[in-house]
Amino acid sequence: MATSMFHGKLTALEVVQGLNVKLNGKVVLITGATSAMNSESIKNFKRILSPYQSIGSETARALVSVNAHVIITARDMNKGAQVVEDIQKSTGNNNVEAMEMDLTSLQSLRNFLPQF
């Protein structure tokens, strides 16, 4: 049986880099980037990079770091703007944007699709 080089202790950036794929200019849509981690989740992380850290935001940060064009969805566009600004500051790359979408609302999805 082949052994995977991926395991639970890797960061999102290490996984993205380990995939060894060219993502320059590829568009990636990420949900959950504005979800804040709860205090129990934070205890399990050794590194907290920012107050906007979540699985979605760290995935977005990793993908932006390898020059993908990342669109994060947000119910609250103020939070979306904060996450985008945080990712831009930490990566030095402006290839990230937020678009409004609430996955609990079919109308929100219908409004999102023509913009995407």
C-alpha atoms as a PDB file:
ATOM      1  CA  MET A   1       0.000   0.000   0.000  1.00  0.00           C
ATOM      2  CA  ALA A   2       1.304   3.463  -0.917  1.00  0.00           C
ATOM      3  CA  THR A   3       1.907   5.901   1.914  1.00  0.00           C
ATOM      4  CA  SER A   4       0.483   9.383   1.512  1.00  0.00           C
ATOM      5  CA  MET A   5       2.759  12.351   2.110  1.00  0.00           C
ATOM      6  CA  PHE A   6      -0.232  14.211   3.544  1.00  0.00           C
ATOM      7  CA  HIS A   7      -1.226  13.945   7.179  1.00  0.00           C
ATOM      8  CA  GLY A   8      -3.232  15.854   9.774  1.00  0.00           C
ATOM      9  CA  LYS A   9      -0.354  18.000  11.012  1.00  0.00           C
ATOM     10  CA  LEU A  10       0.258  19.789   7.698  1.00  0.00           C
ATOM     11  CA  THR A  11      -0.787  23.382   7.139  1.00  0.00           C
ATOM     12  CA  ALA A  12      -2.996  24.355   4.218  1.00  0.00           C
ATOM     13  CA  LEU A  13       0.022  25.945   2.521  1.00  0.00           C
ATOM     14  CA  GLU A  14       2.069  22.749   2.899  1.00  0.00           C
ATOM     15  CA  VAL A  15      -0.743  20.731   1.304  1.00  0.00           C
ATOM     16  CA  VAL A  16      -1.151  23.169  -1.586  1.00  0.00           C
ATOM     17  CA  GLN A  17       2.593  23.238  -2.200  1.00  0.00           C
ATOM     18  CA  GLY A  18       2.746  19.441  -1.923  1.00  0.00           C
ATOM     19  CA  LEU A  19       0.197  19.056  -4.701  1.00  0.00           C
ATOM     20  CA  ASN A  20       2.779  20.572  -7.046  1.00  0.00           C
ATOM     21  CA  VAL A  21       0.215  22.050  -9.439  1.00  0.00           C
ATOM     22  CA  LYS A  22       0.229  25.377 -11.243  1.00  0.00           C
ATOM     23  CA  LEU A  23      -2.641  27.504  -9.961  1.00  0.00           C
ATOM     24  CA  ASN A  24      -1.609  30.827 -11.509  1.00  0.00           C
ATOM     25  CA  GLY A  25      -4.793  32.577 -12.573  1.00  0.00           C
ATOM     26  CA  LYS A  26      -7.076  29.648 -11.705  1.00  0.00           C
ATOM     27  CA  VAL A  27     -10.294  30.798 -10.022  1.00  0.00           C
ATOM     28  CA  VAL A  28     -11.123  29.121  -6.720  1.00  0.00           C
ATOM     29  CA  LEU A  29     -14.388  29.663  -4.836  1.00  0.00           C
ATOM     30  CA  ILE A  30     -14.186  29.106  -1.077  1.00  0.00           C
ATOM     31  CA  THR A  31     -17.000  29.047   1.451  1.00  0.00           C
ATOM     32  CA  GLY A  32     -16.460  29.290   5.204  1.00  0.00           C
ATOM     33  CA  ALA A  33     -13.589  31.756   5.050  1.00  0.00           C
ATOM     34  CA  THR A  34     -15.399  34.236   7.309  1.00  0.00           C
ATOM     35  CA  SER A  35     -16.347  31.671   9.954  1.00  0.00           C
ATOM     36  CA  ALA A  36     -14.492  32.465  13.142  1.00  0.00           C
ATOM     37  CA  MET A  37     -12.961  29.604  15.070  1.00  0.00           C
ATOM     38  CA  ASN A  38     -14.531  28.943  18.440  1.00  0.00           C
ATOM     39  CA  SER A  39     -12.395  28.915  21.576  1.00  0.00           C
ATOM     40  CA  GLU A  40     -12.314  25.089  21.710  1.00  0.00           C
ATOM     41  CA  SER A  41     -10.962  24.905  18.153  1.00  0.00           C
ATOM     42  CA  ILE A  42      -8.354  27.565  18.905  1.00  0.00           C
ATOM     43  CA  LYS A  43      -6.993  25.485  21.809  1.00  0.00           C
ATOM     44  CA  ASN A  44      -6.198  22.695  19.333  1.00  0.00           C
ATOM     45  CA  PHE A  45      -4.139  24.932  17.052  1.00  0.00           C
ATOM     46  CA  LYS A  46      -0.507  25.638  17.872  1.00  0.00           C
ATOM     47  CA  ARG A  47      -0.329  28.640  15.534  1.00  0.00           C
ATOM     48  CA  ILE A  48      -2.968  31.309  15.336  1.00  0.00           C
ATOM     49  CA  LEU A  49      -2.077  33.612  12.489  1.00  0.00           C
ATOM     50  CA  SER A  50      -4.865  36.139  12.768  1.00  0.00           C
ATOM     51  CA  PRO A  51      -8.253  36.748  14.373  1.00  0.00           C
ATOM     52  CA  TYR A  52      -9.796  35.730  11.037  1.00  0.00           C
ATOM     53  CA  GLN A  53      -8.338  32.236  10.990  1.00  0.00           C
ATOM     54  CA  SER A  54     -10.600  29.381   9.945  1.00  0.00           C
ATOM     55  CA  ILE A  55     -10.137  26.369   7.735  1.00  0.00           C
ATOM     56  CA  GLY A  56     -11.650  28.341   4.854  1.00  0.00           C
ATOM     57  CA  SER A  57      -9.532  31.458   5.393  1.00  0.00           C
ATOM     58  CA  GLU A  58      -6.314  29.468   5.734  1.00  0.00           C
ATOM     59  CA  THR A  59      -7.142  27.511   2.582  1.00  0.00           C
ATOM     60  CA  ALA A  60      -7.779  30.819   0.809  1.00  0.00           C
ATOM     61  CA  ARG A  61      -4.493  32.226   2.153  1.00  0.00           C
ATOM     62  CA  ALA A  62      -2.582  29.159   0.915  1.00  0.00           C
ATOM     63  CA  LEU A  63      -4.144  29.311  -2.544  1.00  0.00           C
ATOM     64  CA  VAL A  64      -3.532  33.058  -2.870  1.00  0.00           C
ATOM     65  CA  SER A  65       0.079  32.411  -1.852  1.00  0.00           C
ATOM     66  CA  VAL A  66       0.529  30.233  -4.954  1.00  0.00           C
ATOM     67  CA  ASN A  67      -1.157  32.846  -7.203  1.00  0.00           C
ATOM     68  CA  ALA A  68      -4.643  31.390  -7.540  1.00  0.00           C
ATOM     69  CA  HIS A  69      -7.445  33.951  -7.873  1.00  0.00           C
ATOM     70  CA  VAL A  70      -9.568  33.285  -4.788  1.00  0.00           C
ATOM     71  CA  ILE A  71     -13.148  34.355  -4.241  1.00  0.00           C
ATOM     72  CA  ILE A  72     -14.444  33.883  -0.724  1.00  0.00           C
ATOM     73  CA  THR A  73     -18.156  33.949  -0.046  1.00  0.00           C
ATOM     74  CA  ALA A  74     -19.565  35.835   2.915  1.00  0.00           C
ATOM     75  CA  ARG A  75     -22.965  36.379   4.474  1.00  0.00           C
ATOM     76  CA  ASP A  76     -21.545  39.448   6.181  1.00  0.00           C
ATOM     77  CA  MET A  77     -19.569  41.535   3.702  1.00  0.00           C
ATOM     78  CA  ASN A  78     -17.866  43.457   6.533  1.00  0.00           C
ATOM     79  CA  LYS A  79     -16.320  40.186   7.725  1.00  0.00           C
ATOM     80  CA  GLY A  80     -15.540  39.280   4.131  1.00  0.00           C
ATOM     81  CA  ALA A  81     -13.687  42.563   3.631  1.00  0.00           C
ATOM     82  CA  GLN A  82     -11.704  42.007   6.857  1.00  0.00           C
ATOM     83  CA  VAL A  83     -10.655  38.505   5.778  1.00  0.00           C
ATOM     84  CA  VAL A  84      -9.686  39.744   2.312  1.00  0.00           C
ATOM     85  CA  GLU A  85      -7.604  42.559   3.807  1.00  0.00           C
ATOM     86  CA  ASP A  86      -5.926  40.147   6.235  1.00  0.00           C
ATOM     87  CA  ILE A  87      -5.050  37.703   3.425  1.00  0.00           C
ATOM     88  CA  GLN A  88      -3.743  40.506   1.210  1.00  0.00           C
ATOM     89  CA  LYS A  89      -1.525  41.828   4.023  1.00  0.00           C
ATOM     90  CA  SER A  90      -0.134  38.418   4.976  1.00  0.00           C
ATOM     91  CA  THR A  91       0.539  37.238   1.403  1.00  0.00           C
ATOM     92  CA  GLY A  92       1.334  40.497  -0.396  1.00  0.00           C
ATOM     93  CA  ASN A  93      -1.050  39.311  -3.115  1.00  0.00           C
ATOM     94  CA  ASN A  94      -4.275  41.117  -4.053  1.00  0.00           C
ATOM     95  CA  ASN A  95      -5.739  38.151  -5.955  1.00  0.00           C
ATOM     96  CA  VAL A  96      -8.500  37.624  -3.411  1.00  0.00           C
ATOM     97  CA  GLU A  97     -11.973  39.083  -3.211  1.00  0.00           C
ATOM     98  CA  ALA A  98     -15.208  38.570  -1.290  1.00  0.00           C
ATOM     99  CA  MET A  99     -18.649  38.094  -2.789  1.00  0.00           C
ATOM    100  CA  GLU A 100     -21.899  38.044  -0.874  1.00  0.00           C
ATOM    101  CA  MET A 101     -23.624  34.676  -0.546  1.00  0.00           C
ATOM    102  CA  ASP A 102     -25.595  32.989   2.235  1.00  0.00           C
ATOM    103  CA  LEU A 103     -25.631  29.226   1.762  1.00  0.00           C
ATOM    104  CA  THR A 104     -28.778  28.940   3.907  1.00  0.00           C
ATOM    105  CA  SER A 105     -30.777  30.961   1.371  1.00  0.00           C
ATOM    106  CA  LEU A 106     -31.678  29.746  -2.109  1.00  0.00           C
ATOM    107  CA  GLN A 107     -32.460  33.331  -3.080  1.00  0.00           C
ATOM    108  CA  SER A 108     -28.964  34.368  -2.043  1.00  0.00           C
ATOM    109  CA  LEU A 109     -27.515  31.600  -4.230  1.00  0.00           C
ATOM    110  CA  ARG A 110     -29.666  32.727  -7.157  1.00  0.00           C
ATOM    111  CA  ASN A 111     -28.453  36.307  -6.664  1.00  0.00           C
ATOM    112  CA  PHE A 112     -24.827  35.166  -6.463  1.00  0.00           C
ATOM    113  CA  LEU A 113     -24.697  33.057  -9.627  1.00  0.00           C
ATOM    114  CA  PRO A 114     -25.086  35.823 -12.250  1.00  0.00           C
ATOM    115  CA  GLN A 115     -22.327  37.827 -10.515  1.00  0.00           C
ATOM    116  CA  PHE A 116     -19.963  34.872 -10.487  1.00  0.00           C
END
